[in-house]
């Protein structure tokens, strides 16, 4: 099990409300797939985090975010579905 903190930066999409992109700290958002960049549009860095499996996030499980950062290089958090 991963116990070392995973440093990341959270970006807010300026195009899509309540859409956030987590990247490993120091990663350049311009290196992301073109389709993803087209979806999120202009990004604004909003915070740096040290992710651990125990860290509580508002809309995501920290373990899931950490796994996506390791496997894909990013985690995209979309707004909750409208009911």
PDB file of N, CA and C in Angstrom:
ATOM      1  N   UNK A   1       0.839  -1.185   0.000  1.00  0.00           N
ATOM      2  CA  UNK A   1       0.000   0.000   0.000  1.00  0.00           C
ATOM      3  C   UNK A   1       0.882   1.246   0.000  1.00  0.00           C
ATOM      4  N   UNK A   2       0.497   2.240  -0.781  1.00  0.00           N
ATOM      5  CA  UNK A   2       1.235   3.496  -0.883  1.00  0.00           C
ATOM      6  C   UNK A   2       1.046   4.304   0.393  1.00  0.00           C
ATOM      7  N   UNK A   3       2.149   4.647   1.065  1.00  0.00           N
ATOM      8  CA  UNK A   3       2.056   5.445   2.283  1.00  0.00           C
ATOM      9  C   UNK A   3       2.734   6.792   2.143  1.00  0.00           C
ATOM     10  N   UNK A   4       3.560   6.955   1.119  1.00  0.00           N
ATOM     11  CA  UNK A   4       4.237   8.226   0.902  1.00  0.00           C
ATOM     12  C   UNK A   4       3.242   9.250   0.343  1.00  0.00           C
ATOM     13  N   UNK A   5       3.310  10.500   0.817  1.00  0.00           N
ATOM     14  CA  UNK A   5       2.434  11.522   0.244  1.00  0.00           C
ATOM     15  C   UNK A   5       2.709  11.701  -1.250  1.00  0.00           C
ATOM     16  N   UNK A   6       1.661  11.955  -1.996  1.00  0.00           N
ATOM     17  CA  UNK A   6       1.755  12.177  -3.439  1.00  0.00           C
ATOM     18  C   UNK A   6       1.457  13.653  -3.682  1.00  0.00           C
ATOM     19  N   UNK A   7       2.475  14.456  -3.988  1.00  0.00           N
ATOM     20  CA  UNK A   7       2.235  15.881  -4.222  1.00  0.00           C
ATOM     21  C   UNK A   7       1.538  16.111  -5.559  1.00  0.00           C
ATOM     22  N   UNK A   8       0.485  16.915  -5.530  1.00  0.00           N
ATOM     23  CA  UNK A   8      -0.236  17.214  -6.766  1.00  0.00           C
ATOM     24  C   UNK A   8      -0.712  18.663  -6.748  1.00  0.00           C
ATOM     25  N   UNK A   9      -1.098  19.125  -7.918  1.00  0.00           N
ATOM     26  CA  UNK A   9      -1.685  20.448  -8.085  1.00  0.00           C
ATOM     27  C   UNK A   9      -3.083  20.264  -8.646  1.00  0.00           C
ATOM     28  N   UNK A  10      -4.021  21.026  -8.112  1.00  0.00           N
ATOM     29  CA  UNK A  10      -5.405  20.968  -8.575  1.00  0.00           C
ATOM     30  C   UNK A  10      -5.668  22.214  -9.422  1.00  0.00           C
ATOM     31  N   UNK A  11      -6.231  21.986 -10.613  1.00  0.00           N
ATOM     32  CA  UNK A  11      -6.572  23.059 -11.536  1.00  0.00           C
ATOM     33  C   UNK A  11      -8.088  23.121 -11.698  1.00  0.00           C
ATOM     34  N   UNK A  12      -8.602  24.314 -11.828  1.00  0.00           N
ATOM     35  CA  UNK A  12     -10.031  24.524 -12.074  1.00  0.00           C
ATOM     36  C   UNK A  12     -10.214  24.857 -13.547  1.00  0.00           C
ATOM     37  N   UNK A  13     -11.217  24.226 -14.148  1.00  0.00           N
ATOM     38  CA  UNK A  13     -11.556  24.538 -15.537  1.00  0.00           C
ATOM     39  C   UNK A  13     -12.267  25.880 -15.576  1.00  0.00           C
ATOM     40  N   UNK A  14     -11.808  26.754 -16.446  1.00  0.00           N
ATOM     41  CA  UNK A  14     -12.469  28.052 -16.619  1.00  0.00           C
ATOM     42  C   UNK A  14     -13.672  27.909 -17.553  1.00  0.00           C
ATOM     43  N   UNK A  15     -13.773  26.787 -18.260  1.00  0.00           N
ATOM     44  CA  UNK A  15     -14.860  26.565 -19.222  1.00  0.00           C
ATOM     45  C   UNK A  15     -16.025  25.818 -18.585  1.00  0.00           C
ATOM     46  N   UNK A  16     -15.739  24.803 -17.793  1.00  0.00           N
ATOM     47  CA  UNK A  16     -16.786  23.937 -17.242  1.00  0.00           C
ATOM     48  C   UNK A  16     -16.856  24.104 -15.735  1.00  0.00           C
ATOM     49  N   UNK A  17     -17.992  24.557 -15.253  1.00  0.00           N
ATOM     50  CA  UNK A  17     -18.187  24.756 -13.818  1.00  0.00           C
ATOM     51  C   UNK A  17     -17.984  23.452 -13.047  1.00  0.00           C
ATOM     52  N   UNK A  18     -17.423  23.583 -11.873  1.00  0.00           N
ATOM     53  CA  UNK A  18     -17.219  22.464 -10.944  1.00  0.00           C
ATOM     54  C   UNK A  18     -16.410  21.314 -11.553  1.00  0.00           C
ATOM     55  N   UNK A  19     -15.520  21.640 -12.480  1.00  0.00           N
ATOM     56  CA  UNK A  19     -14.659  20.633 -13.097  1.00  0.00           C
ATOM     57  C   UNK A  19     -13.221  20.933 -12.699  1.00  0.00           C
ATOM     58  N   UNK A  20     -12.569  19.921 -12.135  1.00  0.00           N
ATOM     59  CA  UNK A  20     -11.205  20.080 -11.627  1.00  0.00           C
ATOM     60  C   UNK A  20     -10.306  19.001 -12.199  1.00  0.00           C
ATOM     61  N   UNK A  21      -9.067  19.361 -12.410  1.00  0.00           N
ATOM     62  CA  UNK A  21      -8.071  18.451 -12.945  1.00  0.00           C
ATOM     63  C   UNK A  21      -6.926  18.363 -11.948  1.00  0.00           C
ATOM     64  N   UNK A  22      -6.633  17.154 -11.494  1.00  0.00           N
ATOM     65  CA  UNK A  22      -5.520  16.896 -10.581  1.00  0.00           C
ATOM     66  C   UNK A  22      -4.337  16.424 -11.419  1.00  0.00           C
ATOM     67  N   UNK A  23      -3.175  17.024 -11.203  1.00  0.00           N
ATOM     68  CA  UNK A  23      -1.948  16.620 -11.895  1.00  0.00           C
ATOM     69  C   UNK A  23      -0.837  16.444 -10.876  1.00  0.00           C
ATOM     70  N   UNK A  24       0.120  15.555 -11.150  1.00  0.00           N
ATOM     71  CA  UNK A  24       1.290  15.482 -10.277  1.00  0.00           C
ATOM     72  C   UNK A  24       1.955  16.859 -10.229  1.00  0.00           C
ATOM     73  N   UNK A  25       2.379  17.267  -9.054  1.00  0.00           N
ATOM     74  CA  UNK A  25       3.010  18.580  -8.925  1.00  0.00           C
ATOM     75  C   UNK A  25       4.189  18.687  -9.885  1.00  0.00           C
ATOM     76  N   UNK A  26       4.247  19.784 -10.613  1.00  0.00           N
ATOM     77  CA  UNK A  26       5.314  20.022 -11.573  1.00  0.00           C
ATOM     78  C   UNK A  26       4.973  19.601 -12.991  1.00  0.00           C
ATOM     79  N   UNK A  27       3.886  18.834 -13.160  1.00  0.00           N
ATOM     80  CA  UNK A  27       3.480  18.414 -14.505  1.00  0.00           C
ATOM     81  C   UNK A  27       2.924  19.613 -15.263  1.00  0.00           C
ATOM     82  N   UNK A  28       3.151  19.650 -16.548  1.00  0.00           N
ATOM     83  CA  UNK A  28       2.686  20.745 -17.388  1.00  0.00           C
ATOM     84  C   UNK A  28       1.347  20.368 -18.015  1.00  0.00           C
ATOM     85  N   UNK A  29       0.285  21.105 -17.719  1.00  0.00           N
ATOM     86  CA  UNK A  29      -1.020  20.773 -18.299  1.00  0.00           C
ATOM     87  C   UNK A  29      -1.020  20.761 -19.824  1.00  0.00           C
ATOM     88  N   UNK A  30      -0.114  21.490 -20.448  1.00  0.00           N
ATOM     89  CA  UNK A  30      -0.065  21.522 -21.917  1.00  0.00           C
ATOM     90  C   UNK A  30       0.350  20.175 -22.509  1.00  0.00           C
ATOM     91  N   UNK A  31       0.876  19.271 -21.680  1.00  0.00           N
ATOM     92  CA  UNK A  31       1.279  17.941 -22.151  1.00  0.00           C
ATOM     93  C   UNK A  31       0.125  16.939 -22.139  1.00  0.00           C
ATOM     94  N   UNK A  32      -1.061  17.354 -21.710  1.00  0.00           N
ATOM     95  CA  UNK A  32      -2.215  16.458 -21.647  1.00  0.00           C
ATOM     96  C   UNK A  32      -2.774  16.198 -23.043  1.00  0.00           C
ATOM     97  N   UNK A  33      -3.561  15.121 -23.198  1.00  0.00           N
ATOM     98  CA  UNK A  33      -4.168  14.834 -24.507  1.00  0.00           C
ATOM     99  C   UNK A  33      -5.016  16.019 -24.995  1.00  0.00           C
ATOM    100  N   UNK A  34      -4.970  16.262 -26.298  1.00  0.00           N
ATOM    101  CA  UNK A  34      -5.715  17.375 -26.892  1.00  0.00           C
ATOM    102  C   UNK A  34      -7.209  17.309 -26.587  1.00  0.00           C
ATOM    103  N   UNK A  35      -7.787  16.097 -26.587  1.00  0.00           N
ATOM    104  CA  UNK A  35      -9.220  15.946 -26.324  1.00  0.00           C
ATOM    105  C   UNK A  35      -9.563  16.425 -24.915  1.00  0.00           C
ATOM    106  N   UNK A  36      -8.689  16.124 -23.959  1.00  0.00           N
ATOM    107  CA  UNK A  36      -8.918  16.545 -22.572  1.00  0.00           C
ATOM    108  C   UNK A  36      -8.800  18.061 -22.457  1.00  0.00           C
ATOM    109  N   UNK A  37      -7.803  18.630 -23.091  1.00  0.00           N
ATOM    110  CA  UNK A  37      -7.626  20.081 -23.057  1.00  0.00           C
ATOM    111  C   UNK A  37      -8.801  20.797 -23.715  1.00  0.00           C
ATOM    112  N   UNK A  38      -9.342  20.224 -24.783  1.00  0.00           N
ATOM    113  CA  UNK A  38     -10.502  20.820 -25.443  1.00  0.00           C
ATOM    114  C   UNK A  38     -11.720  20.791 -24.519  1.00  0.00           C
ATOM    115  N   UNK A  39     -11.848  19.742 -23.734  1.00  0.00           N
ATOM    116  CA  UNK A  39     -12.969  19.612 -22.804  1.00  0.00           C
ATOM    117  C   UNK A  39     -12.887  20.634 -21.677  1.00  0.00           C
ATOM    118  N   UNK A  40     -11.727  20.751 -21.051  1.00  0.00           N
ATOM    119  CA  UNK A  40     -11.607  21.616 -19.869  1.00  0.00           C
ATOM    120  C   UNK A  40     -11.314  23.064 -20.215  1.00  0.00           C
ATOM    121  N   UNK A  41     -10.770  23.328 -21.387  1.00  0.00           N
ATOM    122  CA  UNK A  41     -10.446  24.704 -21.751  1.00  0.00           C
ATOM    123  C   UNK A  41      -9.304  25.253 -20.912  1.00  0.00           C
ATOM    124  N   UNK A  42      -9.343  26.543 -20.690  1.00  0.00           N
ATOM    125  CA  UNK A  42      -8.287  27.199 -19.914  1.00  0.00           C
ATOM    126  C   UNK A  42      -8.331  26.735 -18.462  1.00  0.00           C
ATOM    127  N   UNK A  43      -7.155  26.440 -17.909  1.00  0.00           N
ATOM    128  CA  UNK A  43      -7.058  25.950 -16.535  1.00  0.00           C
ATOM    129  C   UNK A  43      -6.441  27.007 -15.633  1.00  0.00           C
ATOM    130  N   UNK A  44      -6.874  26.999 -14.384  1.00  0.00           N
ATOM    131  CA  UNK A  44      -6.341  27.899 -13.372  1.00  0.00           C
ATOM    132  C   UNK A  44      -5.920  27.055 -12.166  1.00  0.00           C
ATOM    133  N   UNK A  45      -4.646  27.136 -11.786  1.00  0.00           N
ATOM    134  CA  UNK A  45      -4.174  26.409 -10.601  1.00  0.00           C
ATOM    135  C   UNK A  45      -4.854  26.989  -9.372  1.00  0.00           C
ATOM    136  N   UNK A  46      -5.455  26.112  -8.557  1.00  0.00           N
ATOM    137  CA  UNK A  46      -6.161  26.599  -7.368  1.00  0.00           C
ATOM    138  C   UNK A  46      -5.522  26.150  -6.062  1.00  0.00           C
ATOM    139  N   UNK A  47      -4.817  25.025  -6.066  1.00  0.00           N
ATOM    140  CA  UNK A  47      -4.158  24.591  -4.832  1.00  0.00           C
ATOM    141  C   UNK A  47      -3.186  23.454  -5.072  1.00  0.00           C
ATOM    142  N   UNK A  48      -2.242  23.347  -4.141  1.00  0.00           N
ATOM    143  CA  UNK A  48      -1.330  22.204  -4.094  1.00  0.00           C
ATOM    144  C   UNK A  48      -1.757  21.332  -2.929  1.00  0.00           C
ATOM    145  N   UNK A  49      -1.710  20.018  -3.122  1.00  0.00           N
ATOM    146  CA  UNK A  49      -2.087  19.049  -2.084  1.00  0.00           C
ATOM    147  C   UNK A  49      -1.011  17.992  -1.942  1.00  0.00           C
ATOM    148  N   UNK A  50      -0.932  17.433  -0.763  1.00  0.00           N
ATOM    149  CA  UNK A  50      -0.138  16.233  -0.501  1.00  0.00           C
ATOM    150  C   UNK A  50      -1.159  15.123  -0.286  1.00  0.00           C
ATOM    151  N   UNK A  51      -1.385  14.310  -1.297  1.00  0.00           N
ATOM    152  CA  UNK A  51      -2.369  13.234  -1.184  1.00  0.00           C
ATOM    153  C   UNK A  51      -1.795  12.044  -0.427  1.00  0.00           C
ATOM    154  N   UNK A  52      -2.603  11.495   0.456  1.00  0.00           N
ATOM    155  CA  UNK A  52      -2.329  10.237   1.129  1.00  0.00           C
ATOM    156  C   UNK A  52      -3.612   9.430   1.059  1.00  0.00           C
ATOM    157  N   UNK A  53      -3.548   8.114   1.238  1.00  0.00           N
ATOM    158  CA  UNK A  53      -4.783   7.322   1.189  1.00  0.00           C
ATOM    159  C   UNK A  53      -5.818   7.767   2.221  1.00  0.00           C
ATOM    160  N   UNK A  54      -5.372   8.352   3.312  1.00  0.00           N
ATOM    161  CA  UNK A  54      -6.279   8.765   4.381  1.00  0.00           C
ATOM    162  C   UNK A  54      -6.880  10.145   4.153  1.00  0.00           C
ATOM    163  N   UNK A  55      -6.337  10.895   3.224  1.00  0.00           N
ATOM    164  CA  UNK A  55      -6.797  12.280   3.013  1.00  0.00           C
ATOM    165  C   UNK A  55      -8.240  12.288   2.542  1.00  0.00           C
ATOM    166  N   UNK A  56      -9.035  13.135   3.158  1.00  0.00           N
ATOM    167  CA  UNK A  56     -10.439  13.265   2.764  1.00  0.00           C
ATOM    168  C   UNK A  56     -10.561  14.337   1.695  1.00  0.00           C
ATOM    169  N   UNK A  57     -11.195  13.979   0.591  1.00  0.00           N
ATOM    170  CA  UNK A  57     -11.486  14.919  -0.485  1.00  0.00           C
ATOM    171  C   UNK A  57     -13.002  15.058  -0.587  1.00  0.00           C
ATOM    172  N   UNK A  58     -13.472  16.166  -1.086  1.00  0.00           N
ATOM    173  CA  UNK A  58     -14.908  16.433  -1.116  1.00  0.00           C
ATOM    174  C   UNK A  58     -15.661  15.470  -2.035  1.00  0.00           C
ATOM    175  N   UNK A  59     -15.179  15.267  -3.265  1.00  0.00           N
ATOM    176  CA  UNK A  59     -15.944  14.481  -4.249  1.00  0.00           C
ATOM    177  C   UNK A  59     -15.203  13.290  -4.820  1.00  0.00           C
ATOM    178  N   UNK A  60     -14.106  12.929  -4.214  1.00  0.00           N
ATOM    179  CA  UNK A  60     -13.343  11.795  -4.749  1.00  0.00           C
ATOM    180  C   UNK A  60     -12.648  11.066  -3.612  1.00  0.00           C
ATOM    181  N   UNK A  61     -12.317   9.823  -3.874  1.00  0.00           N
ATOM    182  CA  UNK A  61     -11.541   9.029  -2.931  1.00  0.00           C
ATOM    183  C   UNK A  61     -10.058   9.251  -3.235  1.00  0.00           C
ATOM    184  N   UNK A  62      -9.290   9.592  -2.226  1.00  0.00           N
ATOM    185  CA  UNK A  62      -7.871   9.906  -2.430  1.00  0.00           C
ATOM    186  C   UNK A  62      -7.126   8.744  -3.083  1.00  0.00           C
ATOM    187  N   UNK A  63      -7.453   7.509  -2.718  1.00  0.00           N
ATOM    188  CA  UNK A  63      -6.784   6.353  -3.331  1.00  0.00           C
ATOM    189  C   UNK A  63      -7.052   6.292  -4.839  1.00  0.00           C
ATOM    190  N   UNK A  64      -8.287   6.593  -5.227  1.00  0.00           N
ATOM    191  CA  UNK A  64      -8.655   6.596  -6.641  1.00  0.00           C
ATOM    192  C   UNK A  64      -7.892   7.678  -7.393  1.00  0.00           C
ATOM    193  N   UNK A  65      -7.807   8.860  -6.791  1.00  0.00           N
ATOM    194  CA  UNK A  65      -7.083   9.962  -7.417  1.00  0.00           C
ATOM    195  C   UNK A  65      -5.608   9.601  -7.558  1.00  0.00           C
ATOM    196  N   UNK A  66      -5.009   9.066  -6.507  1.00  0.00           N
ATOM    197  CA  UNK A  66      -3.592   8.692  -6.542  1.00  0.00           C
ATOM    198  C   UNK A  66      -3.329   7.639  -7.616  1.00  0.00           C
ATOM    199  N   UNK A  67      -4.212   6.650  -7.722  1.00  0.00           N
ATOM    200  CA  UNK A  67      -4.042   5.595  -8.732  1.00  0.00           C
ATOM    201  C   UNK A  67      -4.119   6.188 -10.142  1.00  0.00           C
ATOM    202  N   UNK A  68      -5.071   7.093 -10.375  1.00  0.00           N
ATOM    203  CA  UNK A  68      -5.194   7.713 -11.698  1.00  0.00           C
ATOM    204  C   UNK A  68      -3.967   8.565 -12.025  1.00  0.00           C
ATOM    205  N   UNK A  69      -3.444   9.270 -11.031  1.00  0.00           N
ATOM    206  CA  UNK A  69      -2.252  10.082 -11.263  1.00  0.00           C
ATOM    207  C   UNK A  69      -1.071   9.197 -11.655  1.00  0.00           C
ATOM    208  N   UNK A  70      -0.950   8.044 -11.024  1.00  0.00           N
ATOM    209  CA  UNK A  70       0.147   7.126 -11.348  1.00  0.00           C
ATOM    210  C   UNK A  70      -0.050   6.475 -12.714  1.00  0.00           C
ATOM    211  N   UNK A  71      -1.290   6.066 -13.024  1.00  0.00           N
ATOM    212  CA  UNK A  71      -1.552   5.298 -14.246  1.00  0.00           C
ATOM    213  C   UNK A  71      -1.735   6.181 -15.491  1.00  0.00           C
ATOM    214  N   UNK A  72      -2.509   7.263 -15.364  1.00  0.00           N
ATOM    215  CA  UNK A  72      -2.830   8.103 -16.526  1.00  0.00           C
ATOM    216  C   UNK A  72      -2.072   9.431 -16.528  1.00  0.00           C
ATOM    217  N   UNK A  73      -1.595   9.841 -15.355  1.00  0.00           N
ATOM    218  CA  UNK A  73      -0.911  11.123 -15.260  1.00  0.00           C
ATOM    219  C   UNK A  73      -1.839  12.276 -14.929  1.00  0.00           C
ATOM    220  N   UNK A  74      -3.135  11.991 -14.735  1.00  0.00           N
ATOM    221  CA  UNK A  74      -4.097  13.020 -14.359  1.00  0.00           C
ATOM    222  C   UNK A  74      -5.344  12.361 -13.771  1.00  0.00           C
ATOM    223  N   UNK A  75      -6.140  13.166 -13.064  1.00  0.00           N
ATOM    224  CA  UNK A  75      -7.451  12.734 -12.591  1.00  0.00           C
ATOM    225  C   UNK A  75      -8.418  13.874 -12.882  1.00  0.00           C
ATOM    226  N   UNK A  76      -9.484  13.588 -13.589  1.00  0.00           N
ATOM    227  CA  UNK A  76     -10.485  14.591 -13.933  1.00  0.00           C
ATOM    228  C   UNK A  76     -11.698  14.417 -13.023  1.00  0.00           C
ATOM    229  N   UNK A  77     -12.017  15.474 -12.280  1.00  0.00           N
ATOM    230  CA  UNK A  77     -13.182  15.471 -11.392  1.00  0.00           C
ATOM    231  C   UNK A  77     -14.275  16.306 -12.043  1.00  0.00           C
ATOM    232  N   UNK A  78     -15.357  15.645 -12.424  1.00  0.00           N
ATOM    233  CA  UNK A  78     -16.473  16.301 -13.083  1.00  0.00           C
ATOM    234  C   UNK A  78     -17.526  16.708 -12.055  1.00  0.00           C
ATOM    235  N   UNK A  79     -18.426  17.634 -12.414  1.00  0.00           N
ATOM    236  CA  UNK A  79     -19.461  18.035 -11.472  1.00  0.00           C
ATOM    237  C   UNK A  79     -20.392  16.865 -11.175  1.00  0.00           C
ATOM    238  N   UNK A  80     -21.046  16.922 -10.016  1.00  0.00           N
ATOM    239  CA  UNK A  80     -21.989  15.844  -9.700  1.00  0.00           C
ATOM    240  C   UNK A  80     -23.164  15.864 -10.672  1.00  0.00           C
ATOM    241  N   UNK A  81     -23.778  14.707 -10.915  1.00  0.00           N
ATOM    242  CA  UNK A  81     -24.915  14.668 -11.833  1.00  0.00           C
ATOM    243  C   UNK A  81     -26.102  15.452 -11.254  1.00  0.00           C
ATOM    244  N   UNK A  82     -26.849  16.075 -12.133  1.00  0.00           N
ATOM    245  CA  UNK A  82     -28.045  16.798 -11.729  1.00  0.00           C
ATOM    246  C   UNK A  82     -29.196  15.808 -11.647  1.00  0.00           C
ATOM    247  N   UNK A  83     -29.845  15.805 -10.504  1.00  0.00           N
ATOM    248  CA  UNK A  83     -30.946  14.840 -10.304  1.00  0.00           C
ATOM    249  C   UNK A  83     -32.279  15.534 -10.416  1.00  0.00           C
TER     250      UNK A  83
END
